[in-house]
Amino acid sequence: MANIVGKIGWRITTLAVGIPVGIAVKKVIDRAWSVARPDRPPRGAKDPNASFGDAVSWAALSAAGVAVTQLATTKGARTLWRKLVGAEPPPFANSKSDKVETDEEAAEAETTVA
C-alpha cells in the first residue's frame, strides 16, 4: 500500500514540477523563434505558409524543448521529492531498466536452479 501511495505522490510531484517547466520552455522556444525568424512558427506539417526549412527548424527546436523539459522535470521532481520526503523517489514501474533487471534476475534464478 505504501508503494502505491509513493508512486501516486511521485506522479503528483512530477506534474507539479512539469507543468510550470513546460510552460517556461514553450515561452523560451517561442521567443527564440521570434528572435531568429520574425514570422510565426509553423504549427503543423500541413501549414501551407511554411517552407520545408522552417518546418524542419521548428521541429528540431521543438524536439530540443521536449528533451530539456523532460530533463528539467525529472531532475527538479527528484530534488523536490528528496527535500519533501527525505528519500529517493519510487522506481519507475514501466521503465526499460526495470525490465532488464527483471530479465537478469530471472536468468540468474534459472542458472541457480539448474
N, C-alpha and C. Protein backbone atom coordinates (compact mmCIF):
# COMPACT_ATOMS: atom_id res chain seq x y z
N MET A 1 0.83 -1.20 0.00
CA MET A 1 0.00 0.00 0.00
C MET A 1 0.87 1.26 0.00
N ALA A 2 1.94 1.24 0.80
CA ALA A 2 2.82 2.41 0.86
C ALA A 2 3.49 2.65 -0.49
N ASN A 3 3.76 1.56 -1.22
CA ASN A 3 4.37 1.69 -2.54
C ASN A 3 3.44 2.42 -3.50
N ILE A 4 2.15 2.11 -3.44
CA ILE A 4 1.16 2.77 -4.31
C ILE A 4 1.05 4.24 -3.95
N VAL A 5 1.01 4.54 -2.67
CA VAL A 5 0.94 5.93 -2.23
C VAL A 5 2.18 6.69 -2.67
N GLY A 6 3.34 6.04 -2.59
CA GLY A 6 4.58 6.67 -3.02
C GLY A 6 4.58 6.96 -4.51
N LYS A 7 4.07 6.03 -5.31
CA LYS A 7 4.03 6.24 -6.76
C LYS A 7 3.02 7.33 -7.13
N ILE A 8 1.90 7.39 -6.44
CA ILE A 8 0.93 8.45 -6.70
C ILE A 8 1.54 9.79 -6.29
N GLY A 9 2.19 9.83 -5.16
CA GLY A 9 2.86 11.06 -4.72
C GLY A 9 3.93 11.49 -5.70
N TRP A 10 4.66 10.52 -6.24
CA TRP A 10 5.70 10.83 -7.23
C TRP A 10 5.08 11.43 -8.50
N ARG A 11 3.98 10.85 -8.94
CA ARG A 11 3.30 11.38 -10.14
C ARG A 11 2.81 12.82 -9.90
N ILE A 12 2.26 13.06 -8.73
CA ILE A 12 1.79 14.41 -8.40
C ILE A 12 2.96 15.39 -8.36
N THR A 13 4.07 14.96 -7.75
CA THR A 13 5.26 15.80 -7.69
C THR A 13 5.77 16.10 -9.10
N THR A 14 5.80 15.09 -9.95
CA THR A 14 6.26 15.28 -11.32
C THR A 14 5.36 16.26 -12.07
N LEU A 15 4.06 16.14 -11.89
CA LEU A 15 3.14 17.08 -12.52
C LEU A 15 3.33 18.50 -11.98
N ALA A 16 3.49 18.60 -10.67
CA ALA A 16 3.67 19.93 -10.06
C ALA A 16 4.92 20.63 -10.57
N VAL A 17 5.94 19.87 -10.88
CA VAL A 17 7.17 20.46 -11.42
C VAL A 17 7.06 20.58 -12.95
N GLY A 18 6.49 19.60 -13.61
CA GLY A 18 6.48 19.54 -15.06
C GLY A 18 5.64 20.60 -15.74
N ILE A 19 4.51 20.95 -15.16
CA ILE A 19 3.63 21.94 -15.80
C ILE A 19 4.31 23.30 -15.91
N PRO A 20 4.83 23.87 -14.82
CA PRO A 20 5.49 25.16 -14.98
C PRO A 20 6.77 25.09 -15.84
N VAL A 21 7.49 23.98 -15.76
CA VAL A 21 8.69 23.83 -16.60
C VAL A 21 8.28 23.81 -18.07
N GLY A 22 7.24 23.07 -18.40
CA GLY A 22 6.76 23.00 -19.78
C GLY A 22 6.31 24.36 -20.32
N ILE A 23 5.61 25.11 -19.49
CA ILE A 23 5.16 26.44 -19.89
C ILE A 23 6.36 27.35 -20.13
N ALA A 24 7.33 27.31 -19.21
CA ALA A 24 8.52 28.16 -19.34
C ALA A 24 9.32 27.80 -20.59
N VAL A 25 9.51 26.52 -20.84
CA VAL A 25 10.29 26.09 -22.01
C VAL A 25 9.56 26.49 -23.30
N LYS A 26 8.24 26.37 -23.32
CA LYS A 26 7.48 26.78 -24.51
C LYS A 26 7.66 28.27 -24.77
N LYS A 27 7.63 29.07 -23.73
CA LYS A 27 7.84 30.51 -23.90
C LYS A 27 9.24 30.81 -24.42
N VAL A 28 10.24 30.10 -23.91
CA VAL A 28 11.61 30.30 -24.37
C VAL A 28 11.75 29.91 -25.84
N ILE A 29 11.15 28.80 -26.23
CA ILE A 29 11.22 28.35 -27.63
C ILE A 29 10.52 29.36 -28.55
N ASP A 30 9.34 29.80 -28.15
CA ASP A 30 8.63 30.79 -28.96
C ASP A 30 9.44 32.08 -29.09
N ARG A 31 10.06 32.49 -28.00
CA ARG A 31 10.88 33.71 -28.02
C ARG A 31 12.11 33.52 -28.91
N ALA A 32 12.76 32.37 -28.80
CA ALA A 32 13.94 32.09 -29.63
C ALA A 32 13.56 32.11 -31.10
N TRP A 33 12.40 31.55 -31.44
CA TRP A 33 11.96 31.55 -32.83
C TRP A 33 11.70 32.97 -33.31
N SER A 34 11.03 33.77 -32.48
CA SER A 34 10.69 35.13 -32.91
C SER A 34 11.94 36.01 -33.05
N VAL A 35 13.00 35.70 -32.30
CA VAL A 35 14.25 36.44 -32.45
C VAL A 35 14.94 36.03 -33.76
N ALA A 36 14.94 34.74 -34.05
CA ALA A 36 15.63 34.23 -35.25
C ALA A 36 14.82 34.47 -36.52
N ARG A 37 13.53 34.32 -36.44
CA ARG A 37 12.65 34.45 -37.61
C ARG A 37 11.46 35.32 -37.22
N PRO A 38 11.26 36.45 -37.87
CA PRO A 38 10.17 37.33 -37.47
C PRO A 38 8.77 36.77 -37.73
N ASP A 39 8.61 35.85 -38.69
CA ASP A 39 7.29 35.29 -38.94
C ASP A 39 6.95 34.22 -37.91
N ARG A 40 5.67 33.94 -37.79
CA ARG A 40 5.24 32.99 -36.77
C ARG A 40 5.72 31.58 -37.13
N PRO A 41 5.93 30.76 -36.11
CA PRO A 41 6.43 29.40 -36.38
C PRO A 41 5.36 28.53 -37.02
N PRO A 42 5.76 27.56 -37.83
CA PRO A 42 4.77 26.63 -38.39
C PRO A 42 4.19 25.79 -37.26
N ARG A 43 2.90 25.63 -37.26
CA ARG A 43 2.25 24.88 -36.18
C ARG A 43 1.81 23.49 -36.58
N GLY A 44 2.16 23.08 -37.76
CA GLY A 44 1.79 21.73 -38.18
C GLY A 44 2.42 21.40 -39.53
N ALA A 45 2.42 20.14 -39.85
CA ALA A 45 3.02 19.68 -41.10
C ALA A 45 2.21 20.15 -42.31
N LYS A 46 0.95 20.45 -42.10
CA LYS A 46 0.09 20.85 -43.22
C LYS A 46 -0.03 22.37 -43.34
N ASP A 47 0.79 23.12 -42.62
CA ASP A 47 0.76 24.57 -42.70
C ASP A 47 1.19 25.00 -44.10
N PRO A 48 0.29 25.58 -44.91
CA PRO A 48 0.62 25.92 -46.30
C PRO A 48 1.62 27.07 -46.42
N ASN A 49 1.78 27.88 -45.40
CA ASN A 49 2.68 29.02 -45.47
C ASN A 49 4.10 28.70 -45.01
N ALA A 50 4.32 27.52 -44.55
CA ALA A 50 5.64 27.17 -44.01
C ALA A 50 6.52 26.54 -45.09
N SER A 51 7.75 27.00 -45.14
CA SER A 51 8.70 26.36 -46.05
C SER A 51 9.20 25.08 -45.39
N PHE A 52 9.81 24.24 -46.20
CA PHE A 52 10.34 22.98 -45.67
C PHE A 52 11.41 23.25 -44.61
N GLY A 53 12.28 24.21 -44.89
CA GLY A 53 13.34 24.55 -43.94
C GLY A 53 12.79 25.06 -42.61
N ASP A 54 11.74 25.90 -42.69
CA ASP A 54 11.12 26.40 -41.46
C ASP A 54 10.49 25.26 -40.67
N ALA A 55 9.82 24.36 -41.38
CA ALA A 55 9.17 23.24 -40.70
C ALA A 55 10.20 22.35 -40.01
N VAL A 56 11.30 22.07 -40.68
CA VAL A 56 12.35 21.23 -40.09
C VAL A 56 13.00 21.96 -38.91
N SER A 57 13.26 23.24 -39.08
CA SER A 57 13.86 24.02 -37.99
C SER A 57 12.95 24.05 -36.77
N TRP A 58 11.67 24.26 -37.00
CA TRP A 58 10.71 24.30 -35.88
C TRP A 58 10.63 22.93 -35.21
N ALA A 59 10.65 21.87 -36.00
CA ALA A 59 10.60 20.52 -35.44
C ALA A 59 11.83 20.25 -34.57
N ALA A 60 13.00 20.67 -35.05
CA ALA A 60 14.23 20.46 -34.29
C ALA A 60 14.22 21.28 -32.99
N LEU A 61 13.78 22.52 -33.08
CA LEU A 61 13.70 23.37 -31.90
C LEU A 61 12.69 22.81 -30.90
N SER A 62 11.57 22.33 -31.39
CA SER A 62 10.55 21.73 -30.52
C SER A 62 11.06 20.46 -29.86
N ALA A 63 11.78 19.63 -30.62
CA ALA A 63 12.33 18.39 -30.06
C ALA A 63 13.34 18.70 -28.96
N ALA A 64 14.17 19.70 -29.19
CA ALA A 64 15.12 20.11 -28.15
C ALA A 64 14.37 20.60 -26.91
N GLY A 65 13.28 21.31 -27.12
CA GLY A 65 12.46 21.78 -25.99
C GLY A 65 11.86 20.63 -25.20
N VAL A 66 11.40 19.61 -25.90
CA VAL A 66 10.84 18.44 -25.22
C VAL A 66 11.91 17.75 -24.38
N ALA A 67 13.10 17.59 -24.95
CA ALA A 67 14.19 16.94 -24.21
C ALA A 67 14.57 17.75 -22.97
N VAL A 68 14.67 19.06 -23.12
CA VAL A 68 15.00 19.92 -21.98
C VAL A 68 13.90 19.85 -20.93
N THR A 69 12.65 19.86 -21.37
CA THR A 69 11.53 19.78 -20.43
C THR A 69 11.56 18.47 -19.65
N GLN A 70 11.79 17.36 -20.33
CA GLN A 70 11.85 16.07 -19.64
C GLN A 70 12.99 16.02 -18.64
N LEU A 71 14.14 16.52 -19.05
CA LEU A 71 15.30 16.52 -18.16
C LEU A 71 15.06 17.41 -16.94
N ALA A 72 14.60 18.63 -17.17
CA ALA A 72 14.38 19.57 -16.06
C ALA A 72 13.27 19.07 -15.14
N THR A 73 12.23 18.46 -15.71
CA THR A 73 11.14 17.94 -14.88
C THR A 73 11.62 16.79 -14.01
N THR A 74 12.34 15.86 -14.59
CA THR A 74 12.82 14.71 -13.84
C THR A 74 13.79 15.13 -12.73
N LYS A 75 14.75 15.97 -13.09
CA LYS A 75 15.73 16.42 -12.10
C LYS A 75 15.06 17.26 -11.01
N GLY A 76 14.18 18.16 -11.42
CA GLY A 76 13.50 19.01 -10.46
C GLY A 76 12.59 18.23 -9.53
N ALA A 77 11.85 17.28 -10.09
CA ALA A 77 10.95 16.47 -9.28
C ALA A 77 11.74 15.59 -8.30
N ARG A 78 12.86 15.04 -8.74
CA ARG A 78 13.69 14.22 -7.84
C ARG A 78 14.23 15.07 -6.69
N THR A 79 14.69 16.28 -7.02
CA THR A 79 15.22 17.17 -5.97
C THR A 79 14.12 17.54 -4.99
N LEU A 80 12.94 17.91 -5.51
CA LEU A 80 11.82 18.27 -4.64
C LEU A 80 11.40 17.08 -3.78
N TRP A 81 11.33 15.89 -4.37
CA TRP A 81 10.94 14.68 -3.63
C TRP A 81 11.91 14.42 -2.48
N ARG A 82 13.21 14.53 -2.78
CA ARG A 82 14.20 14.29 -1.73
C ARG A 82 14.06 15.29 -0.58
N LYS A 83 13.76 16.55 -0.92
CA LYS A 83 13.59 17.56 0.13
C LYS A 83 12.33 17.34 0.94
N LEU A 84 11.24 16.95 0.27
CA LEU A 84 9.97 16.77 0.97
C LEU A 84 9.91 15.46 1.75
N VAL A 85 10.38 14.39 1.15
CA VAL A 85 10.23 13.05 1.74
C VAL A 85 11.48 12.61 2.48
N GLY A 86 12.63 13.08 2.02
CA GLY A 86 13.88 12.67 2.65
C GLY A 86 14.39 11.33 2.18
N ALA A 87 13.89 10.87 1.04
CA ALA A 87 14.32 9.59 0.47
C ALA A 87 14.28 9.69 -1.04
N GLU A 88 14.80 8.66 -1.68
CA GLU A 88 14.77 8.61 -3.14
C GLU A 88 13.32 8.38 -3.60
N PRO A 89 12.96 8.88 -4.79
CA PRO A 89 11.62 8.62 -5.32
C PRO A 89 11.45 7.14 -5.64
N PRO A 90 10.20 6.68 -5.73
CA PRO A 90 9.97 5.27 -6.05
C PRO A 90 10.47 4.94 -7.45
N PRO A 91 10.87 3.69 -7.68
CA PRO A 91 11.37 3.31 -9.01
C PRO A 91 10.23 3.35 -10.02
N PHE A 92 10.60 3.52 -11.29
CA PHE A 92 9.62 3.54 -12.36
C PHE A 92 9.21 2.13 -12.69
N ALA A 93 7.92 1.86 -12.70
CA ALA A 93 7.42 0.51 -12.94
C ALA A 93 7.52 0.11 -14.40
N ASN A 94 7.43 1.06 -15.32
CA ASN A 94 7.37 0.72 -16.73
C ASN A 94 8.66 1.03 -17.48
N SER A 95 9.73 1.35 -16.78
CA SER A 95 10.95 1.71 -17.49
C SER A 95 11.67 0.47 -18.00
N LYS A 96 12.45 0.64 -19.05
CA LYS A 96 13.18 -0.49 -19.63
C LYS A 96 14.23 -1.03 -18.68
N SER A 97 14.82 -0.14 -17.86
CA SER A 97 15.85 -0.61 -16.94
C SER A 97 15.28 -1.59 -15.93
N ASP A 98 14.00 -1.39 -15.51
CA ASP A 98 13.38 -2.35 -14.61
C ASP A 98 13.17 -3.69 -15.30
N LYS A 99 12.79 -3.65 -16.58
CA LYS A 99 12.59 -4.89 -17.31
C LYS A 99 13.91 -5.62 -17.48
N VAL A 100 14.97 -4.90 -17.76
CA VAL A 100 16.29 -5.53 -17.90
C VAL A 100 16.69 -6.17 -16.59
N GLU A 101 16.51 -5.47 -15.49
CA GLU A 101 16.85 -6.03 -14.19
C GLU A 101 16.02 -7.28 -13.92
N THR A 102 14.74 -7.25 -14.28
CA THR A 102 13.88 -8.40 -14.06
C THR A 102 14.35 -9.58 -14.91
N ASP A 103 14.70 -9.32 -16.16
CA ASP A 103 15.20 -10.39 -17.02
C ASP A 103 16.51 -10.96 -16.49
N GLU A 104 17.40 -10.07 -16.02
CA GLU A 104 18.66 -10.53 -15.46
C GLU A 104 18.42 -11.37 -14.21
N GLU A 105 17.50 -10.93 -13.37
CA GLU A 105 17.18 -11.70 -12.16
C GLU A 105 16.59 -13.05 -12.52
N ALA A 106 15.75 -13.08 -13.55
CA ALA A 106 15.16 -14.34 -13.98
C ALA A 106 16.24 -15.29 -14.50
N ALA A 107 17.15 -14.74 -15.28
CA ALA A 107 18.24 -15.58 -15.82
C ALA A 107 19.11 -16.11 -14.69
N GLU A 108 19.38 -15.25 -13.72
CA GLU A 108 20.19 -15.68 -12.57
C GLU A 108 19.47 -16.76 -11.77
N ALA A 109 18.16 -16.60 -11.61
CA ALA A 109 17.38 -17.60 -10.88
C ALA A 109 17.38 -18.94 -11.62
N GLU A 110 17.28 -18.89 -12.96
CA GLU A 110 17.29 -20.12 -13.74
C GLU A 110 18.63 -20.85 -13.62
N THR A 111 19.74 -20.09 -13.65
CA THR A 111 21.05 -20.73 -13.55
C THR A 111 21.29 -21.26 -12.14
N THR A 112 20.71 -20.60 -11.14
CA THR A 112 20.86 -21.06 -9.77
C THR A 112 20.10 -22.36 -9.55
N VAL A 113 18.91 -22.46 -10.15
CA VAL A 113 18.08 -23.65 -10.00
C VAL A 113 18.67 -24.80 -10.78
N ALA A 114 19.20 -24.55 -11.95
CA ALA A 114 19.69 -25.62 -12.84
C ALA A 114 20.98 -26.21 -12.39
